[in-house]
């Protein structure tokens, strides 16, 4: 009898493994069967003044999380790195999203990467420590920010409602480097 149950359970396990699934391992382009329609947004970032006065290039990391009132954030739904320099002051990229996120809050962090810290490590830190990091950013406490993300600079943080088209500009001075950027989010045609 035990042998019959074992064979039956193994047979069910094999059948469940053979069902087809629509899985894309790219974290920015996940789809879940037919429940969600995949959509693409075009995000354009333009610099009017690069934050890095010495090298004249900015390695930007854009991290986006679905907003939560408390607890640990889920993994970033937007992770994108790009480099702006004097010859390329504007960059655009596609972000593939599920339509069920439209109208929800997106916690958006824009960082200037000054080290080789892996994106996965920055993601984990922001997910767990987003509240004290945001507080340190709002208070311009560079020493407090460094406790969490080391040499990386937070250039902007905001919560956006994901309803394209959306445009915003942010500017400031971080550790004596002046910067100004415009961000535009629109649906792909």
C-alpha atoms as a PDB file:
ATOM      1  CA  UNK A   1       0.000   0.000   0.000  1.00  0.00           C
ATOM      2  CA  UNK A   2       2.818   2.437   0.853  1.00  0.00           C
ATOM      3  CA  UNK A   3       4.482   1.637  -2.463  1.00  0.00           C
ATOM      4  CA  UNK A   4       1.251   2.468  -4.336  1.00  0.00           C
ATOM      5  CA  UNK A   5       0.947   5.844  -2.555  1.00  0.00           C
ATOM      6  CA  UNK A   6       4.602   6.664  -3.301  1.00  0.00           C
ATOM      7  CA  UNK A   7       4.169   5.843  -7.013  1.00  0.00           C
ATOM      8  CA  UNK A   8       0.939   7.860  -7.151  1.00  0.00           C
ATOM      9  CA  UNK A   9       2.562  10.933  -5.524  1.00  0.00           C
ATOM     10  CA  UNK A  10       5.612  10.711  -7.810  1.00  0.00           C
ATOM     11  CA  UNK A  11       3.319  10.450 -10.841  1.00  0.00           C
ATOM     12  CA  UNK A  12       1.422  13.580  -9.807  1.00  0.00           C
ATOM     13  CA  UNK A  13       4.690  15.430  -9.217  1.00  0.00           C
ATOM     14  CA  UNK A  14       5.927  14.512 -12.694  1.00  0.00           C
ATOM     15  CA  UNK A  15       2.674  15.662 -14.290  1.00  0.00           C
ATOM     16  CA  UNK A  16       2.765  19.007 -12.492  1.00  0.00           C
ATOM     17  CA  UNK A  17       6.362  19.583 -13.611  1.00  0.00           C
ATOM     18  CA  UNK A  18       5.477  19.051 -17.257  1.00  0.00           C
ATOM     19  CA  UNK A  19       2.775  21.735 -17.466  1.00  0.00           C
ATOM     20  CA  UNK A  20       3.801  24.695 -19.568  1.00  0.00           C
ATOM     21  CA  UNK A  21       4.485  28.074 -17.975  1.00  0.00           C
ATOM     22  CA  UNK A  22       5.357  31.453 -19.422  1.00  0.00           C
ATOM     23  CA  UNK A  23       8.495  32.359 -17.463  1.00  0.00           C
ATOM     24  CA  UNK A  24      11.017  34.998 -18.417  1.00  0.00           C
ATOM     25  CA  UNK A  25      14.038  35.041 -16.119  1.00  0.00           C
ATOM     26  CA  UNK A  26      14.707  38.726 -16.773  1.00  0.00           C
ATOM     27  CA  UNK A  27      13.597  40.419 -13.518  1.00  0.00           C
ATOM     28  CA  UNK A  28      12.312  43.483 -15.385  1.00  0.00           C
ATOM     29  CA  UNK A  29      10.110  41.487 -17.763  1.00  0.00           C
ATOM     30  CA  UNK A  30       8.258  38.912 -15.647  1.00  0.00           C
ATOM     31  CA  UNK A  31       4.836  37.801 -16.805  1.00  0.00           C
ATOM     32  CA  UNK A  32       2.433  35.466 -15.054  1.00  0.00           C
ATOM     33  CA  UNK A  33       0.390  33.540 -17.584  1.00  0.00           C
ATOM     34  CA  UNK A  34      -2.672  35.297 -18.990  1.00  0.00           C
ATOM     35  CA  UNK A  35      -3.684  37.068 -15.751  1.00  0.00           C
ATOM     36  CA  UNK A  36      -1.613  40.150 -16.638  1.00  0.00           C
ATOM     37  CA  UNK A  37      -1.000  41.883 -19.912  1.00  0.00           C
ATOM     38  CA  UNK A  38       2.597  42.917 -20.410  1.00  0.00           C
ATOM     39  CA  UNK A  39       3.073  46.566 -21.327  1.00  0.00           C
ATOM     40  CA  UNK A  40       6.137  48.687 -22.018  1.00  0.00           C
ATOM     41  CA  UNK A  41       6.950  52.151 -20.789  1.00  0.00           C
ATOM     42  CA  UNK A  42       9.672  54.367 -22.206  1.00  0.00           C
ATOM     43  CA  UNK A  43      11.699  56.157 -19.551  1.00  0.00           C
ATOM     44  CA  UNK A  44      13.877  59.055 -20.688  1.00  0.00           C
ATOM     45  CA  UNK A  45      16.408  60.735 -18.409  1.00  0.00           C
ATOM     46  CA  UNK A  46      18.075  63.952 -19.459  1.00  0.00           C
ATOM     47  CA  UNK A  47      20.865  65.716 -17.595  1.00  0.00           C
ATOM     48  CA  UNK A  48      21.190  69.485 -17.588  1.00  0.00           C
ATOM     49  CA  UNK A  49      24.133  69.252 -15.196  1.00  0.00           C
ATOM     50  CA  UNK A  50      25.991  66.023 -14.415  1.00  0.00           C
ATOM     51  CA  UNK A  51      26.589  65.364 -10.718  1.00  0.00           C
ATOM     52  CA  UNK A  52      30.177  64.264 -11.269  1.00  0.00           C
ATOM     53  CA  UNK A  53      32.139  67.443 -11.885  1.00  0.00           C
ATOM     54  CA  UNK A  54      35.534  65.714 -12.005  1.00  0.00           C
ATOM     55  CA  UNK A  55      34.934  62.901 -14.521  1.00  0.00           C
ATOM     56  CA  UNK A  56      31.917  64.463 -16.269  1.00  0.00           C
ATOM     57  CA  UNK A  57      29.929  61.251 -16.277  1.00  0.00           C
ATOM     58  CA  UNK A  58      27.219  59.826 -14.057  1.00  0.00           C
ATOM     59  CA  UNK A  59      26.564  56.144 -13.552  1.00  0.00           C
ATOM     60  CA  UNK A  60      22.922  56.214 -12.539  1.00  0.00           C
ATOM     61  CA  UNK A  61      21.002  53.390 -10.939  1.00  0.00           C
ATOM     62  CA  UNK A  62      17.221  53.621 -11.018  1.00  0.00           C
ATOM     63  CA  UNK A  63      15.473  51.405  -8.449  1.00  0.00           C
ATOM     64  CA  UNK A  64      11.678  51.215  -8.176  1.00  0.00           C
ATOM     65  CA  UNK A  65       9.558  49.408  -5.587  1.00  0.00           C
ATOM     66  CA  UNK A  66       5.827  49.062  -5.117  1.00  0.00           C
ATOM     67  CA  UNK A  67       5.076  51.339  -2.167  1.00  0.00           C
ATOM     68  CA  UNK A  68       4.173  49.697   1.140  1.00  0.00           C
ATOM     69  CA  UNK A  69       3.155  51.454   4.347  1.00  0.00           C
ATOM     70  CA  UNK A  70       5.385  49.251   6.506  1.00  0.00           C
ATOM     71  CA  UNK A  71       7.549  46.162   6.587  1.00  0.00           C
ATOM     72  CA  UNK A  72      10.192  45.005   4.147  1.00  0.00           C
ATOM     73  CA  UNK A  73       9.691  45.981   0.517  1.00  0.00           C
ATOM     74  CA  UNK A  74       9.351  43.331  -2.162  1.00  0.00           C
ATOM     75  CA  UNK A  75      12.183  43.062  -4.680  1.00  0.00           C
ATOM     76  CA  UNK A  76      12.572  46.035  -6.987  1.00  0.00           C
ATOM     77  CA  UNK A  77      10.246  45.953  -9.987  1.00  0.00           C
ATOM     78  CA  UNK A  78      12.520  48.439 -11.758  1.00  0.00           C
ATOM     79  CA  UNK A  79      16.303  48.055 -11.796  1.00  0.00           C
ATOM     80  CA  UNK A  80      18.217  49.881 -14.488  1.00  0.00           C
ATOM     81  CA  UNK A  81      21.752  51.230 -14.729  1.00  0.00           C
ATOM     82  CA  UNK A  82      22.822  53.802 -17.300  1.00  0.00           C
ATOM     83  CA  UNK A  83      25.716  56.164 -17.915  1.00  0.00           C
ATOM     84  CA  UNK A  84      25.284  59.795 -18.894  1.00  0.00           C
ATOM     85  CA  UNK A  85      28.255  61.844 -20.056  1.00  0.00           C
ATOM     86  CA  UNK A  86      28.953  65.070 -21.918  1.00  0.00           C
ATOM     87  CA  UNK A  87      28.367  63.359 -25.302  1.00  0.00           C
ATOM     88  CA  UNK A  88      25.239  61.498 -24.118  1.00  0.00           C
ATOM     89  CA  UNK A  89      23.223  63.785 -21.856  1.00  0.00           C
ATOM     90  CA  UNK A  90      19.952  61.946 -22.628  1.00  0.00           C
ATOM     91  CA  UNK A  91      19.268  58.216 -22.366  1.00  0.00           C
ATOM     92  CA  UNK A  92      16.075  56.226 -22.814  1.00  0.00           C
ATOM     93  CA  UNK A  93      15.200  52.669 -21.906  1.00  0.00           C
ATOM     94  CA  UNK A  94      12.156  50.413 -21.945  1.00  0.00           C
ATOM     95  CA  UNK A  95      10.557  49.112 -18.778  1.00  0.00           C
ATOM     96  CA  UNK A  96       8.265  46.125 -19.235  1.00  0.00           C
ATOM     97  CA  UNK A  97       5.484  46.185 -16.649  1.00  0.00           C
ATOM     98  CA  UNK A  98       2.277  44.372 -15.850  1.00  0.00           C
ATOM     99  CA  UNK A  99      -0.757  46.603 -16.365  1.00  0.00           C
ATOM    100  CA  UNK A 100      -2.017  45.737 -12.878  1.00  0.00           C
ATOM    101  CA  UNK A 101       0.539  48.176 -11.381  1.00  0.00           C
ATOM    102  CA  UNK A 102      -0.946  51.247 -13.086  1.00  0.00           C
ATOM    103  CA  UNK A 103      -2.319  53.654 -10.504  1.00  0.00           C
ATOM    104  CA  UNK A 104      -0.217  52.166  -7.692  1.00  0.00           C
ATOM    105  CA  UNK A 105       2.545  53.976  -5.830  1.00  0.00           C
ATOM    106  CA  UNK A 106       6.104  53.475  -7.031  1.00  0.00           C
ATOM    107  CA  UNK A 107       8.901  54.283  -4.585  1.00  0.00           C
ATOM    108  CA  UNK A 108      11.629  55.537  -6.891  1.00  0.00           C
ATOM    109  CA  UNK A 109      15.276  55.893  -5.877  1.00  0.00           C
ATOM    110  CA  UNK A 110      17.784  57.439  -8.282  1.00  0.00           C
ATOM    111  CA  UNK A 111      21.363  56.832  -7.214  1.00  0.00           C
ATOM    112  CA  UNK A 112      24.709  57.878  -8.641  1.00  0.00           C
ATOM    113  CA  UNK A 113      26.980  54.850  -8.341  1.00  0.00           C
ATOM    114  CA  UNK A 114      30.492  55.638  -7.218  1.00  0.00           C
ATOM    115  CA  UNK A 115      31.539  52.048  -6.518  1.00  0.00           C
ATOM    116  CA  UNK A 116      31.099  48.557  -7.917  1.00  0.00           C
ATOM    117  CA  UNK A 117      28.463  47.530  -5.378  1.00  0.00           C
ATOM    118  CA  UNK A 118      26.260  44.882  -7.036  1.00  0.00           C
ATOM    119  CA  UNK A 119      22.676  45.921  -7.785  1.00  0.00           C
ATOM    120  CA  UNK A 120      21.400  42.917  -5.794  1.00  0.00           C
ATOM    121  CA  UNK A 121      23.190  44.196  -2.693  1.00  0.00           C
ATOM    122  CA  UNK A 122      21.806  47.722  -3.101  1.00  0.00           C
ATOM    123  CA  UNK A 123      18.338  46.221  -3.675  1.00  0.00           C
ATOM    124  CA  UNK A 124      18.543  44.199  -0.442  1.00  0.00           C
ATOM    125  CA  UNK A 125      19.678  47.225   1.575  1.00  0.00           C
ATOM    126  CA  UNK A 126      16.945  49.500   0.216  1.00  0.00           C
ATOM    127  CA  UNK A 127      14.252  46.849   0.728  1.00  0.00           C
ATOM    128  CA  UNK A 128      15.097  46.421   4.399  1.00  0.00           C
ATOM    129  CA  UNK A 129      16.326  49.901   5.391  1.00  0.00           C
ATOM    130  CA  UNK A 130      14.291  52.182   3.111  1.00  0.00           C
ATOM    131  CA  UNK A 131      12.769  54.191   5.963  1.00  0.00           C
ATOM    132  CA  UNK A 132      16.043  55.303   7.623  1.00  0.00           C
ATOM    133  CA  UNK A 133      17.634  55.824   4.186  1.00  0.00           C
ATOM    134  CA  UNK A 134      14.743  58.085   3.127  1.00  0.00           C
ATOM    135  CA  UNK A 135      14.943  59.941   6.436  1.00  0.00           C
ATOM    136  CA  UNK A 136      18.711  60.452   6.004  1.00  0.00           C
ATOM    137  CA  UNK A 137      18.160  61.651   2.411  1.00  0.00           C
ATOM    138  CA  UNK A 138      15.461  64.118   3.471  1.00  0.00           C
ATOM    139  CA  UNK A 139      17.741  65.454   6.232  1.00  0.00           C
ATOM    140  CA  UNK A 140      20.794  65.542   3.920  1.00  0.00           C
ATOM    141  CA  UNK A 141      22.668  63.349   6.389  1.00  0.00           C
ATOM    142  CA  UNK A 142      25.433  62.013   4.136  1.00  0.00           C
ATOM    143  CA  UNK A 143      27.144  60.151   6.986  1.00  0.00           C
ATOM    144  CA  UNK A 144      23.901  58.326   7.799  1.00  0.00           C
ATOM    145  CA  UNK A 145      23.347  57.413   4.136  1.00  0.00           C
ATOM    146  CA  UNK A 146      26.913  56.050   3.930  1.00  0.00           C
ATOM    147  CA  UNK A 147      26.159  53.671   6.829  1.00  0.00           C
ATOM    148  CA  UNK A 148      23.694  51.934   4.556  1.00  0.00           C
ATOM    149  CA  UNK A 149      24.882  52.308   0.966  1.00  0.00           C
ATOM    150  CA  UNK A 150      28.547  53.271   1.275  1.00  0.00           C
ATOM    151  CA  UNK A 151      29.858  55.483  -1.528  1.00  0.00           C
ATOM    152  CA  UNK A 152      26.622  55.504  -3.528  1.00  0.00           C
ATOM    153  CA  UNK A 153      24.861  58.877  -3.702  1.00  0.00           C
ATOM    154  CA  UNK A 154      21.085  59.224  -3.549  1.00  0.00           C
ATOM    155  CA  UNK A 155      20.213  61.973  -6.023  1.00  0.00           C
ATOM    156  CA  UNK A 156      16.445  61.681  -5.706  1.00  0.00           C
ATOM    157  CA  UNK A 157      13.729  59.791  -3.919  1.00  0.00           C
ATOM    158  CA  UNK A 158      10.001  60.137  -4.514  1.00  0.00           C
ATOM    159  CA  UNK A 159       6.760  58.196  -4.601  1.00  0.00           C
ATOM    160  CA  UNK A 160       5.013  58.373  -7.973  1.00  0.00           C
ATOM    161  CA  UNK A 161       1.659  57.090  -9.042  1.00  0.00           C
ATOM    162  CA  UNK A 162       2.277  54.871 -12.051  1.00  0.00           C
ATOM    163  CA  UNK A 163       0.051  56.658 -14.537  1.00  0.00           C
ATOM    164  CA  UNK A 164       1.963  57.562 -17.687  1.00  0.00           C
ATOM    165  CA  UNK A 165       2.665  60.072 -19.002  1.00  0.00           C
ATOM    166  CA  UNK A 166       4.613  61.416 -16.032  1.00  0.00           C
ATOM    167  CA  UNK A 167       7.362  64.028 -16.008  1.00  0.00           C
ATOM    168  CA  UNK A 168       9.432  65.472 -13.197  1.00  0.00           C
ATOM    169  CA  UNK A 169      12.682  67.343 -12.662  1.00  0.00           C
ATOM    170  CA  UNK A 170      15.034  67.067  -9.733  1.00  0.00           C
ATOM    171  CA  UNK A 171      18.115  69.071  -8.902  1.00  0.00           C
ATOM    172  CA  UNK A 172      20.444  69.541  -6.015  1.00  0.00           C
ATOM    173  CA  UNK A 173      23.933  69.489  -4.620  1.00  0.00           C
ATOM    174  CA  UNK A 174      25.352  66.291  -3.177  1.00  0.00           C
ATOM    175  CA  UNK A 175      28.780  66.393  -1.568  1.00  0.00           C
ATOM    176  CA  UNK A 176      29.577  69.600  -3.488  1.00  0.00           C
ATOM    177  CA  UNK A 177      28.533  68.132  -6.883  1.00  0.00           C
ATOM    178  CA  UNK A 178      25.664  70.048  -8.500  1.00  0.00           C
ATOM    179  CA  UNK A 179      23.172  68.075 -10.636  1.00  0.00           C
ATOM    180  CA  UNK A 180      19.912  68.526 -12.525  1.00  0.00           C
ATOM    181  CA  UNK A 181      17.855  65.876 -14.318  1.00  0.00           C
ATOM    182  CA  UNK A 182      14.504  65.610 -16.083  1.00  0.00           C
ATOM    183  CA  UNK A 183      12.662  62.300 -16.162  1.00  0.00           C
ATOM    184  CA  UNK A 184       9.838  61.436 -18.541  1.00  0.00           C
ATOM    185  CA  UNK A 185       7.755  58.248 -18.402  1.00  0.00           C
ATOM    186  CA  UNK A 186       5.417  57.441 -21.299  1.00  0.00           C
ATOM    187  CA  UNK A 187       3.710  54.430 -22.816  1.00  0.00           C
ATOM    188  CA  UNK A 188       5.418  52.809 -25.780  1.00  0.00           C
ATOM    189  CA  UNK A 189       3.444  53.159 -28.977  1.00  0.00           C
END
